[in-house]
PDB file of N, CA and C in Angstrom:
ATOM      1  N   MET A   1       4.402  13.591 -20.551  1.00  0.00           N
ATOM      2  CA  MET A   1       5.834  13.744 -20.450  1.00  0.00           C
ATOM      3  C   MET A   1       6.526  13.257 -21.717  1.00  0.00           C
ATOM      4  N   ILE A   2       6.011  12.175 -22.276  1.00  0.00           N
ATOM      5  CA  ILE A   2       6.629  11.646 -23.496  1.00  0.00           C
ATOM      6  C   ILE A   2       6.465  12.643 -24.633  1.00  0.00           C
ATOM      7  N   ASP A   3       5.261  13.221 -24.731  1.00  0.00           N
ATOM      8  CA  ASP A   3       5.013  14.158 -25.824  1.00  0.00           C
ATOM      9  C   ASP A   3       5.819  15.449 -25.682  1.00  0.00           C
ATOM     10  N   LYS A   4       6.350  15.714 -24.506  1.00  0.00           N
ATOM     11  CA  LYS A   4       7.187  16.902 -24.304  1.00  0.00           C
ATOM     12  C   LYS A   4       8.662  16.600 -24.485  1.00  0.00           C
ATOM     13  N   GLY A   5       8.969  15.345 -24.876  1.00  0.00           N
ATOM     14  CA  GLY A   5      10.348  14.986 -25.161  1.00  0.00           C
ATOM     15  C   GLY A   5      11.209  14.689 -23.946  1.00  0.00           C
ATOM     16  N   ARG A   6      10.583  14.396 -22.830  1.00  0.00           N
ATOM     17  CA  ARG A   6      11.360  14.080 -21.625  1.00  0.00           C
ATOM     18  C   ARG A   6      12.021  12.708 -21.780  1.00  0.00           C
ATOM     19  N   PRO A   7      13.200  12.549 -21.211  1.00  0.00           N
ATOM     20  CA  PRO A   7      13.880  11.249 -21.301  1.00  0.00           C
ATOM     21  C   PRO A   7      13.082  10.165 -20.571  1.00  0.00           C
ATOM     22  N   TYR A   8      13.148   8.960 -21.114  1.00  0.00           N
ATOM     23  CA  TYR A   8      12.430   7.848 -20.507  1.00  0.00           C
ATOM     24  C   TYR A   8      12.874   7.602 -19.063  1.00  0.00           C
ATOM     25  N   SER A   9      14.125   7.847 -18.768  1.00  0.00           N
ATOM     26  CA  SER A   9      14.602   7.640 -17.398  1.00  0.00           C
ATOM     27  C   SER A   9      13.866   8.554 -16.418  1.00  0.00           C
ATOM     28  N   LYS A  10      13.539   9.762 -16.827  1.00  0.00           N
ATOM     29  CA  LYS A  10      12.791  10.691 -15.972  1.00  0.00           C
ATOM     30  C   LYS A  10      11.345  10.221 -15.796  1.00  0.00           C
ATOM     31  N   ILE A  11      10.775   9.669 -16.851  1.00  0.00           N
ATOM     32  CA  ILE A  11       9.403   9.165 -16.783  1.00  0.00           C
ATOM     33  C   ILE A  11       9.337   7.978 -15.822  1.00  0.00           C
ATOM     34  N   VAL A  12      10.291   7.061 -15.949  1.00  0.00           N
ATOM     35  CA  VAL A  12      10.335   5.900 -15.063  1.00  0.00           C
ATOM     36  C   VAL A  12      10.554   6.351 -13.619  1.00  0.00           C
ATOM     37  N   GLN A  13      11.380   7.351 -13.431  1.00  0.00           N
ATOM     38  CA  GLN A  13      11.623   7.881 -12.082  1.00  0.00           C
ATOM     39  C   GLN A  13      10.330   8.428 -11.481  1.00  0.00           C
ATOM     40  N   GLN A  14       9.561   9.149 -12.258  1.00  0.00           N
ATOM     41  CA  GLN A  14       8.293   9.702 -11.771  1.00  0.00           C
ATOM     42  C   GLN A  14       7.295   8.593 -11.452  1.00  0.00           C
ATOM     43  N   ILE A  15       7.223   7.587 -12.300  1.00  0.00           N
ATOM     44  CA  ILE A  15       6.314   6.459 -12.063  1.00  0.00           C
ATOM     45  C   ILE A  15       6.714   5.729 -10.780  1.00  0.00           C
ATOM     46  N   SER A  16       8.005   5.544 -10.580  1.00  0.00           N
ATOM     47  CA  SER A  16       8.493   4.878  -9.371  1.00  0.00           C
ATOM     48  C   SER A  16       8.139   5.679  -8.119  1.00  0.00           C
ATOM     49  N   ALA A  17       8.244   6.991  -8.206  1.00  0.00           N
ATOM     50  CA  ALA A  17       7.905   7.844  -7.067  1.00  0.00           C
ATOM     51  C   ALA A  17       6.413   7.747  -6.735  1.00  0.00           C
ATOM     52  N   VAL A  18       5.580   7.734  -7.757  1.00  0.00           N
ATOM     53  CA  VAL A  18       4.134   7.605  -7.544  1.00  0.00           C
ATOM     54  C   VAL A  18       3.818   6.251  -6.921  1.00  0.00           C
ATOM     55  N   LYS A  19       4.431   5.191  -7.439  1.00  0.00           N
ATOM     56  CA  LYS A  19       4.205   3.848  -6.904  1.00  0.00           C
ATOM     57  C   LYS A  19       4.627   3.773  -5.438  1.00  0.00           C
ATOM     58  N   ALA A  20       5.759   4.343  -5.098  1.00  0.00           N
ATOM     59  CA  ALA A  20       6.225   4.332  -3.710  1.00  0.00           C
ATOM     60  C   ALA A  20       5.243   5.077  -2.801  1.00  0.00           C
ATOM     61  N   GLY A  21       4.734   6.187  -3.280  1.00  0.00           N
ATOM     62  CA  GLY A  21       3.750   6.943  -2.503  1.00  0.00           C
ATOM     63  C   GLY A  21       2.469   6.155  -2.283  1.00  0.00           C
ATOM     64  N   LEU A  22       2.004   5.488  -3.321  1.00  0.00           N
ATOM     65  CA  LEU A  22       0.796   4.672  -3.197  1.00  0.00           C
ATOM     66  C   LEU A  22       1.028   3.485  -2.265  1.00  0.00           C
ATOM     67  N   ASP A  23       2.190   2.854  -2.366  1.00  0.00           N
ATOM     68  CA  ASP A  23       2.525   1.742  -1.471  1.00  0.00           C
ATOM     69  C   ASP A  23       2.505   2.195  -0.017  1.00  0.00           C
ATOM     70  N   SER A  24       3.051   3.368   0.244  1.00  0.00           N
ATOM     71  CA  SER A  24       3.059   3.910   1.607  1.00  0.00           C
ATOM     72  C   SER A  24       1.640   4.182   2.095  1.00  0.00           C
ATOM     73  N   ALA A  25       0.819   4.722   1.227  1.00  0.00           N
ATOM     74  CA  ALA A  25      -0.565   5.009   1.599  1.00  0.00           C
ATOM     75  C   ALA A  25      -1.324   3.725   1.904  1.00  0.00           C
ATOM     76  N   VAL A  26      -1.127   2.702   1.091  1.00  0.00           N
ATOM     77  CA  VAL A  26      -1.783   1.416   1.330  1.00  0.00           C
ATOM     78  C   VAL A  26      -1.332   0.840   2.669  1.00  0.00           C
ATOM     79  N   GLN A  27      -0.052   0.929   2.959  1.00  0.00           N
ATOM     80  CA  GLN A  27       0.465   0.393   4.220  1.00  0.00           C
ATOM     81  C   GLN A  27      -0.174   1.095   5.419  1.00  0.00           C
ATOM     82  N   VAL A  28      -0.287   2.403   5.368  1.00  0.00           N
ATOM     83  CA  VAL A  28      -0.905   3.158   6.471  1.00  0.00           C
ATOM     84  C   VAL A  28      -2.371   2.765   6.627  1.00  0.00           C
ATOM     85  N   ILE A  29      -3.079   2.646   5.526  1.00  0.00           N
ATOM     86  CA  ILE A  29      -4.494   2.268   5.579  1.00  0.00           C
ATOM     87  C   ILE A  29      -4.654   0.884   6.199  1.00  0.00           C
ATOM     88  N   LEU A  30      -3.814  -0.055   5.772  1.00  0.00           N
ATOM     89  CA  LEU A  30      -3.905  -1.414   6.316  1.00  0.00           C
ATOM     90  C   LEU A  30      -3.563  -1.456   7.794  1.00  0.00           C
ATOM     91  N   GLU A  31      -2.552  -0.710   8.199  1.00  0.00           N
ATOM     92  CA  GLU A  31      -2.188  -0.676   9.609  1.00  0.00           C
ATOM     93  C   GLU A  31      -3.311  -0.078  10.450  1.00  0.00           C
ATOM     94  N   ASP A  32      -3.918   1.001   9.958  1.00  0.00           N
ATOM     95  CA  ASP A  32      -5.034   1.620  10.677  1.00  0.00           C
ATOM     96  C   ASP A  32      -6.225   0.669  10.747  1.00  0.00           C
ATOM     97  N   PHE A  33      -6.538   0.025   9.637  1.00  0.00           N
ATOM     98  CA  PHE A  33      -7.668  -0.906   9.578  1.00  0.00           C
ATOM     99  C   PHE A  33      -7.433  -2.088  10.508  1.00  0.00           C
ATOM    100  N   GLY A  34      -6.237  -2.665  10.442  1.00  0.00           N
ATOM    101  CA  GLY A  34      -5.913  -3.800  11.297  1.00  0.00           C
ATOM    102  C   GLY A  34      -5.942  -3.433  12.760  1.00  0.00           C
ATOM    103  N   GLY A  35      -5.408  -2.290  13.108  1.00  0.00           N
ATOM    104  CA  GLY A  35      -5.416  -1.836  14.496  1.00  0.00           C
ATOM    105  C   GLY A  35      -6.815  -1.591  15.003  1.00  0.00           C
ATOM    106  N   LEU A  36      -7.655  -1.035  14.164  1.00  0.00           N
ATOM    107  CA  LEU A  36      -9.040  -0.769  14.546  1.00  0.00           C
ATOM    108  C   LEU A  36      -9.772  -2.071  14.813  1.00  0.00           C
ATOM    109  N   ARG A  37      -9.642  -3.022  13.907  1.00  0.00           N
ATOM    110  CA  ARG A  37     -10.339  -4.297  14.059  1.00  0.00           C
ATOM    111  C   ARG A  37      -9.839  -5.040  15.299  1.00  0.00           C
ATOM    112  N   CYS A  38      -8.538  -4.968  15.568  1.00  0.00           N
ATOM    113  CA  CYS A  38      -7.992  -5.679  16.722  1.00  0.00           C
ATOM    114  C   CYS A  38      -8.424  -5.025  18.028  1.00  0.00           C
ATOM    115  N   SER A  39      -8.513  -3.710  18.059  1.00  0.00           N
ATOM    116  CA  SER A  39      -8.862  -3.027  19.297  1.00  0.00           C
ATOM    117  C   SER A  39     -10.343  -3.162  19.624  1.00  0.00           C
ATOM    118  N   ILE A  40     -11.181  -3.372  18.617  1.00  0.00           N
ATOM    119  CA  ILE A  40     -12.612  -3.530  18.852  1.00  0.00           C
ATOM    120  C   ILE A  40     -12.887  -4.858  19.551  1.00  0.00           C
ATOM    121  N   ASP A  41     -12.196  -5.905  19.137  1.00  0.00           N
ATOM    122  CA  ASP A  41     -12.441  -7.231  19.686  1.00  0.00           C
ATOM    123  C   ASP A  41     -11.118  -7.788  20.202  1.00  0.00           C
ATOM    124  N   GLU A  42     -10.738  -7.380  21.409  1.00  0.00           N
ATOM    125  CA  GLU A  42      -9.423  -7.723  21.946  1.00  0.00           C
ATOM    126  C   GLU A  42      -9.283  -9.202  22.308  1.00  0.00           C
ATOM    127  N   GLU A  43     -10.391  -9.895  22.500  1.00  0.00           N
ATOM    128  CA  GLU A  43     -10.307 -11.291  22.898  1.00  0.00           C
ATOM    129  C   GLU A  43      -9.992 -12.216  21.732  1.00  0.00           C
ATOM    130  N   GLN A  44     -10.197 -11.765  20.536  1.00  0.00           N
ATOM    131  CA  GLN A  44      -9.930 -12.598  19.367  1.00  0.00           C
ATOM    132  C   GLN A  44      -8.798 -11.991  18.562  1.00  0.00           C
ATOM    133  N   ASP A  45      -8.229 -12.806  17.672  1.00  0.00           N
ATOM    134  CA  ASP A  45      -7.183 -12.306  16.774  1.00  0.00           C
ATOM    135  C   ASP A  45      -7.771 -11.290  15.811  1.00  0.00           C
ATOM    136  N   CYS A  46      -6.898 -10.612  15.102  1.00  0.00           N
ATOM    137  CA  CYS A  46      -7.353  -9.636  14.106  1.00  0.00           C
ATOM    138  C   CYS A  46      -8.331 -10.289  13.143  1.00  0.00           C
ATOM    139  N   ASP A  47      -9.219  -9.491  12.642  1.00  0.00           N
ATOM    140  CA  ASP A  47     -10.175  -9.950  11.648  1.00  0.00           C
ATOM    141  C   ASP A  47      -9.435 -10.566  10.469  1.00  0.00           C
ATOM    142  N   LEU A  48      -9.900 -11.689   9.995  1.00  0.00           N
ATOM    143  CA  LEU A  48      -9.235 -12.408   8.909  1.00  0.00           C
ATOM    144  C   LEU A  48      -9.101 -11.532   7.666  1.00  0.00           C
ATOM    145  N   THR A  49     -10.069 -10.688   7.406  1.00  0.00           N
ATOM    146  CA  THR A  49     -10.014  -9.824   6.235  1.00  0.00           C
ATOM    147  C   THR A  49      -8.800  -8.912   6.284  1.00  0.00           C
ATOM    148  N   ALA A  50      -8.492  -8.355   7.422  1.00  0.00           N
ATOM    149  CA  ALA A  50      -7.330  -7.478   7.547  1.00  0.00           C
ATOM    150  C   ALA A  50      -6.047  -8.247   7.288  1.00  0.00           C
ATOM    151  N   VAL A  51      -5.966  -9.454   7.812  1.00  0.00           N
ATOM    152  CA  VAL A  51      -4.780 -10.285   7.590  1.00  0.00           C
ATOM    153  C   VAL A  51      -4.649 -10.613   6.109  1.00  0.00           C
ATOM    154  N   GLU A  52      -5.744 -10.963   5.480  1.00  0.00           N
ATOM    155  CA  GLU A  52      -5.731 -11.280   4.048  1.00  0.00           C
ATOM    156  C   GLU A  52      -5.302 -10.076   3.220  1.00  0.00           C
ATOM    157  N   LEU A  53      -5.760  -8.887   3.596  1.00  0.00           N
ATOM    158  CA  LEU A  53      -5.366  -7.680   2.871  1.00  0.00           C
ATOM    159  C   LEU A  53      -3.862  -7.440   2.989  1.00  0.00           C
ATOM    160  N   LYS A  54      -3.329  -7.595   4.184  1.00  0.00           N
ATOM    161  CA  LYS A  54      -1.892  -7.407   4.383  1.00  0.00           C
ATOM    162  C   LYS A  54      -1.090  -8.413   3.570  1.00  0.00           C
ATOM    163  N   GLU A  55      -1.546  -9.667   3.532  1.00  0.00           N
ATOM    164  CA  GLU A  55      -0.850 -10.683   2.751  1.00  0.00           C
ATOM    165  C   GLU A  55      -0.906 -10.368   1.263  1.00  0.00           C
ATOM    166  N   ALA A  56      -2.046  -9.870   0.788  1.00  0.00           N
ATOM    167  CA  ALA A  56      -2.175  -9.521  -0.623  1.00  0.00           C
ATOM    168  C   ALA A  56      -1.206  -8.409  -1.008  1.00  0.00           C
ATOM    169  N   VAL A  57      -1.094  -7.411  -0.148  1.00  0.00           N
ATOM    170  CA  VAL A  57      -0.170  -6.317  -0.419  1.00  0.00           C
ATOM    171  C   VAL A  57       1.273  -6.818  -0.419  1.00  0.00           C
ATOM    172  N   ALA A  58       1.583  -7.701   0.507  1.00  0.00           N
ATOM    173  CA  ALA A  58       2.946  -8.244   0.578  1.00  0.00           C
ATOM    174  C   ALA A  58       3.289  -9.021  -0.692  1.00  0.00           C
ATOM    175  N   ARG A  59       2.313  -9.712  -1.264  1.00  0.00           N
ATOM    176  CA  ARG A  59       2.562 -10.489  -2.486  1.00  0.00           C
ATOM    177  C   ARG A  59       2.843  -9.606  -3.696  1.00  0.00           C
ATOM    178  N   ILE A  60       2.254  -8.421  -3.762  1.00  0.00           N
ATOM    179  CA  ILE A  60       2.451  -7.576  -4.944  1.00  0.00           C
ATOM    180  C   ILE A  60       3.674  -6.682  -4.851  1.00  0.00           C
ATOM    181  N   ARG A  61       4.325  -6.665  -3.715  1.00  0.00           N
ATOM    182  CA  ARG A  61       5.515  -5.825  -3.558  1.00  0.00           C
ATOM    183  C   ARG A  61       6.718  -6.474  -4.138  1.00  0.00           C
TER     184      ARG A  61
END
């Protein structure tokens, strides 16, 4: 995009859109993973790994 002379504001807009899409995809994956782990073993809390993954994603947002 830069080599085609596009304005930097358009490039930043595209990068932001890609980041938002990836963030949404990560959220869906984590929700599915957490739900799966919780439904397999209903007597215990969610697997610690799923909780840690969700916390890691929350920190980078």
